């Protein structure tokens, strides 16, 4: 039979603190070393992938021409005569003069002739 001897020695508080401090220092040093290794590896991988994705050195491309502003879509269907309107507009507590002014402002802001717009109702917002 093998005799196992377990020796328990008494340590002073100072020795225990030094042993614990050395253990923590070793763990922190290993973590710092791993962080440095990971940082170096990420830079190497980034550089390799950048070289793989880089196009062959060619002359720089000319800047693209500025896009032309799009024109608003024109109304579809048969145009109505200039003297004719598009349907009826329900005016709720708005007099005809104010409604005409609102319609003119909307047509002007949209850049469309008033007779091409269709107003369904005009009412004040409470």
N, C-alpha and C. Protein backbone atom coordinates (compact mmCIF):
# COMPACT_ATOMS: atom_id res chain seq x y z
N UNK A 1 0.81 -1.17 0.00
CA UNK A 1 0.00 0.00 0.00
C UNK A 1 0.86 1.25 0.00
N UNK A 2 0.29 2.24 -0.64
CA UNK A 2 1.01 3.50 -0.70
C UNK A 2 0.46 4.42 0.37
N UNK A 3 1.32 4.94 1.09
CA UNK A 3 0.90 5.89 2.13
C UNK A 3 0.95 7.30 1.56
N UNK A 4 -0.16 7.97 1.66
CA UNK A 4 -0.24 9.36 1.21
C UNK A 4 -0.16 10.23 2.45
N UNK A 5 0.76 11.10 2.39
CA UNK A 5 0.97 11.98 3.53
C UNK A 5 0.50 13.37 3.12
N UNK A 6 -0.37 13.93 3.87
CA UNK A 6 -0.87 15.27 3.62
C UNK A 6 -0.31 16.16 4.70
N UNK A 7 0.46 17.12 4.26
CA UNK A 7 1.08 18.00 5.24
C UNK A 7 0.39 19.34 5.19
N UNK A 8 -0.16 19.72 6.26
CA UNK A 8 -0.80 21.03 6.38
C UNK A 8 0.15 21.91 7.16
N UNK A 9 0.56 22.98 6.49
CA UNK A 9 1.44 23.90 7.18
C UNK A 9 0.69 25.18 7.46
N UNK A 10 1.07 25.81 8.43
CA UNK A 10 0.44 27.07 8.77
C UNK A 10 1.16 28.20 8.06
N UNK A 11 0.35 29.10 7.51
CA UNK A 11 0.87 30.24 6.80
C UNK A 11 0.46 31.50 7.54
N UNK A 12 1.33 32.45 7.52
CA UNK A 12 0.95 33.71 8.15
C UNK A 12 0.06 34.48 7.16
N UNK A 13 -0.59 35.48 7.65
CA UNK A 13 -1.50 36.29 6.81
C UNK A 13 -0.70 36.94 5.70
N UNK A 14 0.48 37.40 5.99
CA UNK A 14 1.31 38.05 4.98
C UNK A 14 1.68 37.09 3.86
N UNK A 15 2.07 35.87 4.20
CA UNK A 15 2.41 34.89 3.19
C UNK A 15 1.20 34.52 2.34
N UNK A 16 0.03 34.42 2.96
CA UNK A 16 -1.20 34.10 2.22
C UNK A 16 -1.54 35.21 1.23
N UNK A 17 -1.39 36.46 1.63
CA UNK A 17 -1.67 37.58 0.73
C UNK A 17 -0.69 37.61 -0.44
N UNK A 18 0.57 37.30 -0.17
CA UNK A 18 1.56 37.28 -1.25
C UNK A 18 1.24 36.17 -2.23
N UNK A 19 0.86 35.00 -1.74
CA UNK A 19 0.52 33.88 -2.62
C UNK A 19 -0.70 34.21 -3.48
N UNK A 20 -1.72 34.79 -2.86
CA UNK A 20 -2.92 35.17 -3.61
C UNK A 20 -2.59 36.25 -4.63
N UNK A 21 -1.78 37.22 -4.25
CA UNK A 21 -1.38 38.29 -5.16
C UNK A 21 -0.61 37.76 -6.35
N UNK A 22 0.30 36.81 -6.12
CA UNK A 22 1.04 36.20 -7.22
C UNK A 22 0.11 35.44 -8.17
N UNK A 23 -0.89 34.75 -7.63
CA UNK A 23 -1.85 34.03 -8.47
C UNK A 23 -2.64 34.98 -9.35
N UNK A 24 -3.08 36.09 -8.77
CA UNK A 24 -3.85 37.09 -9.54
C UNK A 24 -2.94 37.72 -10.60
N UNK A 25 -1.70 37.99 -10.27
CA UNK A 25 -0.76 38.60 -11.21
C UNK A 25 -0.51 37.67 -12.39
N UNK A 26 -0.37 36.38 -12.13
CA UNK A 26 -0.15 35.42 -13.22
C UNK A 26 -1.36 35.38 -14.14
N UNK A 27 -2.56 35.35 -13.59
CA UNK A 27 -3.78 35.32 -14.40
C UNK A 27 -3.88 36.59 -15.25
N UNK A 28 -3.61 37.75 -14.68
CA UNK A 28 -3.69 39.01 -15.43
C UNK A 28 -2.63 39.05 -16.53
N UNK A 29 -1.43 38.54 -16.27
CA UNK A 29 -0.38 38.53 -17.28
C UNK A 29 -0.77 37.64 -18.46
N UNK A 30 -1.34 36.49 -18.18
CA UNK A 30 -1.77 35.59 -19.26
C UNK A 30 -2.90 36.23 -20.07
N UNK A 31 -3.84 36.90 -19.41
CA UNK A 31 -4.93 37.58 -20.13
C UNK A 31 -4.39 38.70 -21.01
N UNK A 32 -3.42 39.47 -20.51
CA UNK A 32 -2.83 40.54 -21.30
C UNK A 32 -2.10 39.97 -22.50
N UNK A 33 -1.39 38.86 -22.32
CA UNK A 33 -0.70 38.22 -23.43
C UNK A 33 -1.69 37.74 -24.49
N UNK A 34 -2.80 37.17 -24.06
CA UNK A 34 -3.83 36.73 -25.02
C UNK A 34 -4.42 37.92 -25.77
N UNK A 35 -4.64 39.04 -25.09
CA UNK A 35 -5.18 40.22 -25.75
C UNK A 35 -4.23 40.73 -26.82
N UNK A 36 -2.93 40.73 -26.54
CA UNK A 36 -1.95 41.17 -27.52
C UNK A 36 -1.93 40.22 -28.72
N UNK A 37 -1.97 38.93 -28.47
CA UNK A 37 -1.97 37.95 -29.56
C UNK A 37 -3.20 38.11 -30.44
N UNK A 38 -4.36 38.31 -29.82
CA UNK A 38 -5.60 38.50 -30.60
C UNK A 38 -5.53 39.77 -31.43
N UNK A 39 -5.00 40.86 -30.88
CA UNK A 39 -4.89 42.12 -31.63
C UNK A 39 -3.98 41.96 -32.83
N UNK A 40 -2.85 41.28 -32.66
CA UNK A 40 -1.93 41.06 -33.77
C UNK A 40 -2.57 40.20 -34.85
N UNK A 41 -3.25 39.13 -34.43
CA UNK A 41 -3.88 38.25 -35.41
C UNK A 41 -4.99 38.97 -36.18
N UNK A 42 -5.76 39.82 -35.52
CA UNK A 42 -6.83 40.52 -36.22
C UNK A 42 -6.27 41.49 -37.26
N UNK A 43 -5.12 42.14 -36.94
CA UNK A 43 -4.51 43.03 -37.92
C UNK A 43 -3.98 42.26 -39.12
N UNK A 44 -3.39 41.10 -38.86
CA UNK A 44 -2.87 40.28 -39.95
C UNK A 44 -4.00 39.80 -40.85
N UNK A 45 -5.08 39.33 -40.26
CA UNK A 45 -6.22 38.84 -41.05
C UNK A 45 -6.86 39.98 -41.83
N UNK A 46 -6.97 41.15 -41.22
CA UNK A 46 -7.55 42.30 -41.92
C UNK A 46 -6.69 42.70 -43.11
N UNK A 47 -5.38 42.68 -42.94
CA UNK A 47 -4.49 43.05 -44.03
C UNK A 47 -4.57 42.03 -45.16
N UNK A 48 -4.65 40.75 -44.82
CA UNK A 48 -4.74 39.71 -45.85
C UNK A 48 -6.05 39.84 -46.62
N UNK A 49 -7.15 40.04 -45.91
CA UNK A 49 -8.44 40.17 -46.60
C UNK A 49 -8.50 41.45 -47.41
N UNK A 50 -7.82 42.50 -46.96
CA UNK A 50 -7.79 43.75 -47.71
C UNK A 50 -7.01 43.57 -49.01
N UNK A 51 -5.92 42.82 -48.95
CA UNK A 51 -5.14 42.57 -50.16
C UNK A 51 -5.92 41.69 -51.14
N UNK A 52 -6.70 40.75 -50.63
CA UNK A 52 -7.49 39.89 -51.50
C UNK A 52 -8.60 40.66 -52.19
N UNK A 53 -9.20 41.61 -51.50
CA UNK A 53 -10.33 42.36 -52.05
C UNK A 53 -9.90 43.56 -52.86
N UNK A 54 -8.63 43.93 -52.79
CA UNK A 54 -8.17 45.12 -53.52
C UNK A 54 -8.16 44.84 -55.01
N UNK A 55 -8.75 45.73 -55.82
CA UNK A 55 -8.72 45.53 -57.27
C UNK A 55 -7.31 45.81 -57.79
N UNK A 56 -7.05 45.30 -58.98
CA UNK A 56 -5.75 45.56 -59.60
C UNK A 56 -5.60 47.06 -59.79
N UNK A 57 -4.36 47.54 -59.68
CA UNK A 57 -4.14 48.98 -59.79
C UNK A 57 -4.50 49.44 -61.19
N UNK A 58 -5.56 50.19 -61.27
CA UNK A 58 -6.02 50.71 -62.55
C UNK A 58 -6.14 52.22 -62.40
N UNK A 59 -6.36 52.87 -63.50
CA UNK A 59 -6.52 54.31 -63.42
C UNK A 59 -7.81 54.63 -62.67
N UNK A 60 -7.79 55.72 -61.91
CA UNK A 60 -8.98 56.04 -61.12
C UNK A 60 -10.18 56.31 -62.01
N UNK A 61 -11.31 55.85 -61.55
CA UNK A 61 -12.54 56.01 -62.32
C UNK A 61 -12.98 57.47 -62.30
N UNK A 62 -13.54 57.91 -63.40
CA UNK A 62 -14.04 59.27 -63.48
C UNK A 62 -15.28 59.39 -62.61
N UNK A 63 -15.46 60.55 -61.97
CA UNK A 63 -16.65 60.69 -61.14
C UNK A 63 -17.92 60.60 -61.97
N UNK A 64 -18.92 59.99 -61.39
CA UNK A 64 -20.18 59.80 -62.09
C UNK A 64 -20.86 61.15 -62.28
N UNK A 65 -21.53 61.34 -63.41
CA UNK A 65 -22.22 62.62 -63.60
C UNK A 65 -23.36 62.76 -62.61
N UNK A 66 -23.62 64.00 -62.26
CA UNK A 66 -24.68 64.27 -61.28
C UNK A 66 -26.02 63.85 -61.88
N UNK A 67 -26.84 63.16 -61.08
CA UNK A 67 -28.14 62.73 -61.61
C UNK A 67 -29.04 63.94 -61.87
N UNK A 68 -29.79 63.83 -62.95
CA UNK A 68 -30.72 64.90 -63.28
C UNK A 68 -31.92 64.82 -62.34
N UNK A 69 -32.44 65.98 -61.94
CA UNK A 69 -33.62 65.92 -61.07
C UNK A 69 -34.80 65.31 -61.83
N UNK A 70 -35.51 64.46 -61.12
CA UNK A 70 -36.65 63.79 -61.76
C UNK A 70 -37.82 64.74 -61.86
N UNK A 71 -38.48 64.67 -63.00
CA UNK A 71 -39.67 65.48 -63.18
C UNK A 71 -40.84 64.79 -62.49
N UNK A 72 -41.76 65.56 -61.93
CA UNK A 72 -42.91 64.93 -61.29
C UNK A 72 -43.73 64.18 -62.34
N UNK A 73 -44.35 63.08 -61.95
CA UNK A 73 -45.13 62.31 -62.92
C UNK A 73 -46.31 63.12 -63.43
N UNK A 74 -46.55 62.98 -64.70
CA UNK A 74 -47.67 63.68 -65.34
C UNK A 74 -48.95 62.89 -65.10
N UNK A 75 -50.07 63.59 -65.01
CA UNK A 75 -51.34 62.89 -64.82
C UNK A 75 -51.62 61.96 -65.99
N UNK A 76 -52.16 60.79 -65.69
CA UNK A 76 -52.48 59.81 -66.70
C UNK A 76 -53.88 60.05 -67.24
N UNK A 77 -54.11 59.57 -68.40
CA UNK A 77 -55.46 59.65 -68.97
C UNK A 77 -55.64 60.87 -69.85
N UNK A 78 -56.88 61.10 -70.21
CA UNK A 78 -57.23 62.18 -71.12
C UNK A 78 -57.24 63.51 -70.37
N UNK A 79 -56.49 64.52 -70.84
CA UNK A 79 -56.49 65.81 -70.15
C UNK A 79 -57.84 66.50 -70.30
N UNK A 80 -58.23 67.21 -69.26
CA UNK A 80 -59.51 67.92 -69.31
C UNK A 80 -59.26 69.34 -69.81
N UNK A 81 -60.26 69.97 -70.36
CA UNK A 81 -60.09 71.36 -70.85
C UNK A 81 -59.73 72.30 -69.71
N UNK A 82 -59.06 73.40 -70.07
CA UNK A 82 -58.60 74.36 -69.07
C UNK A 82 -59.77 74.97 -68.30
N UNK A 83 -60.91 75.06 -68.90
CA UNK A 83 -62.05 75.70 -68.25
C UNK A 83 -62.87 74.74 -67.42
N UNK A 84 -62.49 73.50 -67.32
CA UNK A 84 -63.28 72.50 -66.61
C UNK A 84 -62.53 72.04 -65.36
N UNK A 85 -63.26 71.71 -64.30
CA UNK A 85 -62.64 71.24 -63.07
C UNK A 85 -62.83 69.73 -62.95
N UNK A 86 -62.19 69.15 -61.92
CA UNK A 86 -62.26 67.70 -61.72
C UNK A 86 -63.17 67.38 -60.55
N UNK A 87 -64.41 67.25 -60.75
CA UNK A 87 -65.33 66.78 -59.73
C UNK A 87 -65.75 67.86 -58.75
N UNK A 88 -66.28 67.42 -57.61
CA UNK A 88 -66.82 68.31 -56.59
C UNK A 88 -65.94 68.27 -55.36
N UNK A 89 -65.95 69.36 -54.61
CA UNK A 89 -65.16 69.44 -53.38
C UNK A 89 -66.12 69.77 -52.25
N UNK A 90 -66.07 68.97 -51.19
CA UNK A 90 -66.93 69.16 -50.04
C UNK A 90 -66.28 70.20 -49.12
N UNK A 91 -66.94 71.34 -48.93
CA UNK A 91 -66.42 72.39 -48.06
C UNK A 91 -67.16 72.34 -46.73
N UNK A 92 -66.43 72.06 -45.67
CA UNK A 92 -67.02 71.97 -44.34
C UNK A 92 -66.58 73.19 -43.54
N UNK A 93 -67.48 74.07 -43.26
CA UNK A 93 -67.26 75.32 -42.51
C UNK A 93 -66.11 76.15 -43.09
N UNK A 94 -65.93 76.10 -44.42
CA UNK A 94 -64.93 76.92 -45.10
C UNK A 94 -65.66 77.63 -46.22
N UNK A 95 -65.48 78.96 -46.32
CA UNK A 95 -66.19 79.68 -47.37
C UNK A 95 -65.45 79.52 -48.70
N UNK A 96 -66.11 79.88 -49.77
CA UNK A 96 -65.58 79.65 -51.12
C UNK A 96 -64.27 80.39 -51.36
N UNK A 97 -64.14 81.60 -50.83
CA UNK A 97 -62.94 82.40 -51.04
C UNK A 97 -61.72 81.72 -50.41
N UNK A 98 -61.85 81.24 -49.17
CA UNK A 98 -60.73 80.57 -48.50
C UNK A 98 -60.39 79.26 -49.20
N UNK A 99 -61.40 78.52 -49.65
CA UNK A 99 -61.16 77.26 -50.35
C UNK A 99 -60.42 77.51 -51.65
N UNK A 100 -60.80 78.56 -52.38
CA UNK A 100 -60.12 78.88 -53.64
C UNK A 100 -58.66 79.25 -53.38
N UNK A 101 -58.41 79.98 -52.29
CA UNK A 101 -57.04 80.36 -51.95
C UNK A 101 -56.20 79.13 -51.60
N UNK A 102 -56.77 78.21 -50.83
CA UNK A 102 -56.05 76.98 -50.45
C UNK A 102 -55.74 76.16 -51.70
N UNK A 103 -56.71 76.02 -52.59
CA UNK A 103 -56.49 75.26 -53.81
C UNK A 103 -55.40 75.89 -54.67
N UNK A 104 -55.39 77.20 -54.78
CA UNK A 104 -54.38 77.89 -55.58
C UNK A 104 -52.98 77.72 -54.98
N UNK A 105 -52.89 77.79 -53.66
CA UNK A 105 -51.59 77.62 -53.00
C UNK A 105 -51.07 76.20 -53.21
N UNK A 106 -51.94 75.21 -53.07
CA UNK A 106 -51.52 73.82 -53.25
C UNK A 106 -51.06 73.59 -54.69
N UNK A 107 -51.81 74.10 -55.65
CA UNK A 107 -51.44 73.92 -57.05
C UNK A 107 -50.10 74.60 -57.35
N UNK A 108 -49.88 75.78 -56.77
CA UNK A 108 -48.63 76.49 -56.99
C UNK A 108 -47.45 75.74 -56.38
N UNK A 109 -47.62 75.24 -55.16
CA UNK A 109 -46.54 74.49 -54.50
C UNK A 109 -46.21 73.20 -55.23
N UNK A 110 -47.21 72.57 -55.81
CA UNK A 110 -46.98 71.31 -56.54
C UNK A 110 -46.49 71.56 -57.96
N UNK A 111 -46.65 72.79 -58.46
CA UNK A 111 -46.23 73.10 -59.82
C UNK A 111 -47.13 72.49 -60.87
N UNK A 112 -48.38 72.26 -60.53
CA UNK A 112 -49.35 71.67 -61.45
C UNK A 112 -50.47 72.67 -61.70
N UNK A 113 -51.08 72.60 -62.89
CA UNK A 113 -52.26 73.44 -63.13
C UNK A 113 -53.39 73.05 -62.19
N UNK A 114 -54.14 74.04 -61.76
CA UNK A 114 -55.22 73.80 -60.80
C UNK A 114 -56.26 72.84 -61.33
N UNK A 115 -56.52 72.88 -62.63
CA UNK A 115 -57.58 72.01 -63.17
C UNK A 115 -57.15 70.55 -63.27
N UNK A 116 -55.87 70.22 -63.02
CA UNK A 116 -55.45 68.82 -63.05
C UNK A 116 -55.49 68.19 -61.67
N UNK A 117 -55.73 68.99 -60.64
CA UNK A 117 -55.80 68.47 -59.28
C UNK A 117 -57.24 68.18 -58.90
N UNK A 118 -57.42 67.19 -58.03
CA UNK A 118 -58.77 66.84 -57.58
C UNK A 118 -58.81 66.98 -56.06
N UNK A 119 -59.61 67.92 -55.59
CA UNK A 119 -59.80 68.14 -54.17
C UNK A 119 -61.09 67.46 -53.76
N UNK A 120 -61.04 66.62 -52.74
CA UNK A 120 -62.22 65.89 -52.30
C UNK A 120 -62.95 66.68 -51.23
N UNK A 121 -62.20 67.19 -50.22
CA UNK A 121 -62.84 67.99 -49.20
C UNK A 121 -61.83 68.93 -48.60
N UNK A 122 -62.31 70.07 -48.12
CA UNK A 122 -61.49 71.03 -47.40
C UNK A 122 -62.23 71.37 -46.13
N UNK A 123 -61.54 71.16 -45.01
CA UNK A 123 -62.16 71.45 -43.71
C UNK A 123 -61.08 71.92 -42.75
N UNK A 124 -61.44 72.73 -41.77
CA UNK A 124 -60.44 73.18 -40.79
C UNK A 124 -60.05 72.06 -39.85
N UNK A 125 -58.81 72.12 -39.38
CA UNK A 125 -58.33 71.15 -38.40
C UNK A 125 -58.54 71.74 -37.02
N UNK A 126 -59.21 71.00 -36.17
CA UNK A 126 -59.49 71.50 -34.82
C UNK A 126 -58.32 71.26 -33.90
